[in-house]
């Protein structure tokens, strides 16, 4: 399993509260991540990412937010 897939799982959106947050993947991910994107399981971000770039996207309201990787999955 690639590091991209280890971070899968829905999050609660801090804006609307829906459990519809999906991971934003930056850079040039492997082909398996493109398939996840086609199924709506991840969002593809830009090529470069900095510390302030959001890493989660709400499928309900469109809000994007930063969440630390250390935080436990819901």
N, C-alpha and C. Protein backbone atom coordinates (compact mmCIF):
# COMPACT_ATOMS: atom_id res chain seq x y z
N UNK A 1 0.85 -1.19 0.00
CA UNK A 1 0.00 0.00 0.00
C UNK A 1 0.89 1.24 0.00
N UNK A 2 0.56 2.18 -0.85
CA UNK A 2 1.36 3.40 -0.95
C UNK A 2 1.02 4.34 0.20
N UNK A 3 1.90 5.30 0.50
CA UNK A 3 1.59 6.28 1.55
C UNK A 3 0.32 7.07 1.25
N UNK A 4 0.00 7.24 -0.03
CA UNK A 4 -1.22 7.96 -0.41
C UNK A 4 -2.45 7.24 0.11
N UNK A 5 -2.45 5.93 0.02
CA UNK A 5 -3.63 5.16 0.40
C UNK A 5 -3.74 4.96 1.91
N UNK A 6 -2.63 5.12 2.63
CA UNK A 6 -2.67 4.97 4.07
C UNK A 6 -3.43 6.12 4.74
N UNK A 7 -3.66 7.20 4.03
CA UNK A 7 -4.32 8.36 4.61
C UNK A 7 -5.78 8.45 4.18
N UNK A 8 -6.32 7.38 3.63
CA UNK A 8 -7.72 7.39 3.22
C UNK A 8 -8.64 7.31 4.43
N UNK A 9 -9.86 7.75 4.25
CA UNK A 9 -10.85 7.72 5.31
C UNK A 9 -11.57 9.04 5.38
N UNK A 10 -12.83 9.01 5.69
CA UNK A 10 -13.63 10.23 5.75
C UNK A 10 -13.37 10.99 7.04
N UNK A 11 -13.43 12.30 6.96
CA UNK A 11 -13.29 13.17 8.12
C UNK A 11 -14.55 14.02 8.27
N UNK A 12 -14.78 14.50 9.47
CA UNK A 12 -15.87 15.43 9.71
C UNK A 12 -15.42 16.82 9.29
N UNK A 13 -16.22 17.47 8.47
CA UNK A 13 -15.91 18.80 7.99
C UNK A 13 -16.08 19.81 9.13
N UNK A 14 -15.08 20.67 9.37
CA UNK A 14 -15.21 21.67 10.43
C UNK A 14 -16.20 22.78 10.08
N UNK A 15 -16.55 22.92 8.80
CA UNK A 15 -17.48 23.97 8.38
C UNK A 15 -18.94 23.53 8.48
N UNK A 16 -19.25 22.34 7.95
CA UNK A 16 -20.66 21.92 7.91
C UNK A 16 -20.96 20.71 8.80
N UNK A 17 -19.91 20.05 9.30
CA UNK A 17 -20.09 18.92 10.20
C UNK A 17 -20.35 17.58 9.52
N UNK A 18 -20.49 17.59 8.20
CA UNK A 18 -20.75 16.33 7.49
C UNK A 18 -19.52 15.44 7.53
N UNK A 19 -19.74 14.16 7.60
CA UNK A 19 -18.62 13.20 7.53
C UNK A 19 -18.37 12.91 6.07
N UNK A 20 -17.81 13.90 5.38
CA UNK A 20 -17.62 13.83 3.93
C UNK A 20 -16.28 14.39 3.50
N UNK A 21 -15.34 14.50 4.44
CA UNK A 21 -14.02 15.03 4.11
C UNK A 21 -13.16 13.97 3.46
N UNK A 22 -12.62 14.26 2.29
CA UNK A 22 -11.72 13.35 1.60
C UNK A 22 -10.36 14.00 1.43
N UNK A 23 -9.34 13.20 1.30
CA UNK A 23 -7.96 13.65 1.24
C UNK A 23 -7.66 14.39 -0.06
N UNK A 24 -6.86 15.46 0.03
CA UNK A 24 -6.33 16.14 -1.16
C UNK A 24 -4.91 15.64 -1.35
N UNK A 25 -4.62 15.10 -2.52
CA UNK A 25 -3.30 14.55 -2.84
C UNK A 25 -2.56 15.52 -3.75
N UNK A 26 -1.36 15.91 -3.35
CA UNK A 26 -0.54 16.84 -4.12
C UNK A 26 0.59 16.09 -4.81
N UNK A 27 1.16 16.72 -5.83
CA UNK A 27 2.30 16.14 -6.52
C UNK A 27 1.87 15.24 -7.67
N UNK A 28 2.72 14.30 -7.99
CA UNK A 28 2.46 13.36 -9.07
C UNK A 28 2.24 11.97 -8.47
N UNK A 29 1.01 11.65 -8.14
CA UNK A 29 0.73 10.38 -7.46
C UNK A 29 0.78 9.19 -8.42
N UNK A 30 0.86 7.98 -7.86
CA UNK A 30 0.84 6.79 -8.70
C UNK A 30 -0.53 6.59 -9.34
N UNK A 31 -0.60 5.74 -10.34
CA UNK A 31 -1.83 5.52 -11.10
C UNK A 31 -3.00 5.09 -10.22
N UNK A 32 -2.75 4.31 -9.18
CA UNK A 32 -3.84 3.85 -8.32
C UNK A 32 -4.59 5.02 -7.67
N UNK A 33 -3.88 6.13 -7.43
CA UNK A 33 -4.52 7.31 -6.85
C UNK A 33 -5.43 7.98 -7.88
N UNK A 34 -5.07 7.94 -9.15
CA UNK A 34 -5.94 8.49 -10.19
C UNK A 34 -7.26 7.73 -10.24
N UNK A 35 -7.21 6.43 -10.02
CA UNK A 35 -8.44 5.63 -9.99
C UNK A 35 -9.31 6.03 -8.79
N UNK A 36 -8.67 6.29 -7.65
CA UNK A 36 -9.42 6.77 -6.47
C UNK A 36 -10.07 8.11 -6.76
N UNK A 37 -9.36 8.97 -7.47
CA UNK A 37 -9.90 10.28 -7.85
C UNK A 37 -11.13 10.12 -8.75
N UNK A 38 -11.06 9.22 -9.70
CA UNK A 38 -12.20 8.98 -10.59
C UNK A 38 -13.42 8.48 -9.82
N UNK A 39 -13.20 7.75 -8.73
CA UNK A 39 -14.30 7.24 -7.91
C UNK A 39 -14.75 8.24 -6.86
N UNK A 40 -14.08 9.41 -6.78
CA UNK A 40 -14.47 10.44 -5.82
C UNK A 40 -13.97 10.18 -4.41
N UNK A 41 -12.92 9.36 -4.27
CA UNK A 41 -12.40 9.04 -2.94
C UNK A 41 -11.27 9.96 -2.50
N UNK A 42 -10.64 10.66 -3.44
CA UNK A 42 -9.62 11.65 -3.14
C UNK A 42 -9.76 12.79 -4.14
N UNK A 43 -9.16 13.94 -3.81
CA UNK A 43 -9.11 15.09 -4.71
C UNK A 43 -7.65 15.28 -5.09
N UNK A 44 -7.39 15.58 -6.35
CA UNK A 44 -6.03 15.85 -6.79
C UNK A 44 -5.76 17.34 -6.66
N UNK A 45 -4.70 17.68 -5.92
CA UNK A 45 -4.30 19.07 -5.73
C UNK A 45 -3.32 19.49 -6.80
N UNK A 46 -2.64 20.56 -6.55
CA UNK A 46 -1.64 21.07 -7.48
C UNK A 46 -0.35 20.26 -7.35
N UNK A 47 0.63 20.61 -8.17
CA UNK A 47 1.91 19.89 -8.15
C UNK A 47 2.69 20.12 -6.87
N UNK A 48 2.62 21.34 -6.35
CA UNK A 48 3.42 21.66 -5.17
C UNK A 48 2.51 21.94 -3.98
N UNK A 49 3.01 21.65 -2.80
CA UNK A 49 2.26 21.85 -1.57
C UNK A 49 3.18 22.52 -0.56
N UNK A 50 2.60 23.45 0.22
CA UNK A 50 3.36 24.03 1.32
C UNK A 50 2.61 23.76 2.62
N UNK A 51 3.12 24.24 3.73
CA UNK A 51 2.52 23.93 5.04
C UNK A 51 1.11 24.47 5.20
N UNK A 52 0.77 25.52 4.46
CA UNK A 52 -0.57 26.09 4.59
C UNK A 52 -1.58 25.51 3.59
N UNK A 53 -1.13 24.62 2.72
CA UNK A 53 -2.04 24.02 1.74
C UNK A 53 -3.02 23.08 2.45
N UNK A 54 -4.29 23.15 2.11
CA UNK A 54 -5.26 22.26 2.75
C UNK A 54 -5.00 20.81 2.35
N UNK A 55 -5.30 19.87 3.25
CA UNK A 55 -5.13 18.47 2.91
C UNK A 55 -6.43 17.67 2.98
N UNK A 56 -7.54 18.36 3.25
CA UNK A 56 -8.86 17.71 3.25
C UNK A 56 -9.87 18.59 2.52
N UNK A 57 -10.84 17.95 1.87
CA UNK A 57 -11.87 18.62 1.07
C UNK A 57 -13.22 18.00 1.42
N UNK A 58 -14.21 18.84 1.70
CA UNK A 58 -15.56 18.35 2.00
C UNK A 58 -16.35 18.16 0.71
N UNK A 59 -16.86 16.95 0.51
CA UNK A 59 -17.64 16.65 -0.69
C UNK A 59 -19.04 17.28 -0.62
N UNK A 60 -19.48 17.70 0.56
CA UNK A 60 -20.81 18.29 0.72
C UNK A 60 -20.78 19.80 0.47
N UNK A 61 -19.93 20.52 1.19
CA UNK A 61 -19.94 21.99 1.10
C UNK A 61 -18.75 22.58 0.33
N UNK A 62 -17.74 21.76 0.01
CA UNK A 62 -16.59 22.25 -0.74
C UNK A 62 -15.50 22.89 0.11
N UNK A 63 -15.70 22.96 1.42
CA UNK A 63 -14.70 23.55 2.31
C UNK A 63 -13.42 22.73 2.26
N UNK A 64 -12.27 23.41 2.31
CA UNK A 64 -10.96 22.74 2.37
C UNK A 64 -10.26 23.19 3.63
N UNK A 65 -9.59 22.25 4.30
CA UNK A 65 -8.92 22.59 5.56
C UNK A 65 -7.65 21.78 5.74
N UNK A 66 -6.84 22.27 6.69
CA UNK A 66 -5.59 21.60 7.05
C UNK A 66 -5.85 20.79 8.31
N UNK A 67 -5.42 19.56 8.30
CA UNK A 67 -5.50 18.71 9.48
C UNK A 67 -4.17 18.01 9.63
N UNK A 68 -3.64 18.02 10.81
CA UNK A 68 -2.35 17.37 11.06
C UNK A 68 -2.46 15.86 10.88
N UNK A 69 -1.42 15.27 10.36
CA UNK A 69 -1.39 13.81 10.10
C UNK A 69 -1.44 13.01 11.40
N UNK A 70 -0.99 13.60 12.51
CA UNK A 70 -0.94 12.87 13.77
C UNK A 70 -2.33 12.64 14.36
N UNK A 71 -3.30 13.43 13.96
CA UNK A 71 -4.64 13.33 14.51
C UNK A 71 -5.27 12.00 14.15
N UNK A 72 -5.95 11.39 15.09
CA UNK A 72 -6.56 10.08 14.85
C UNK A 72 -7.68 10.16 13.83
N UNK A 73 -7.83 9.09 13.08
CA UNK A 73 -8.90 9.02 12.09
C UNK A 73 -10.23 8.78 12.79
N UNK A 74 -11.28 9.31 12.23
CA UNK A 74 -12.63 9.15 12.80
C UNK A 74 -13.18 7.82 12.36
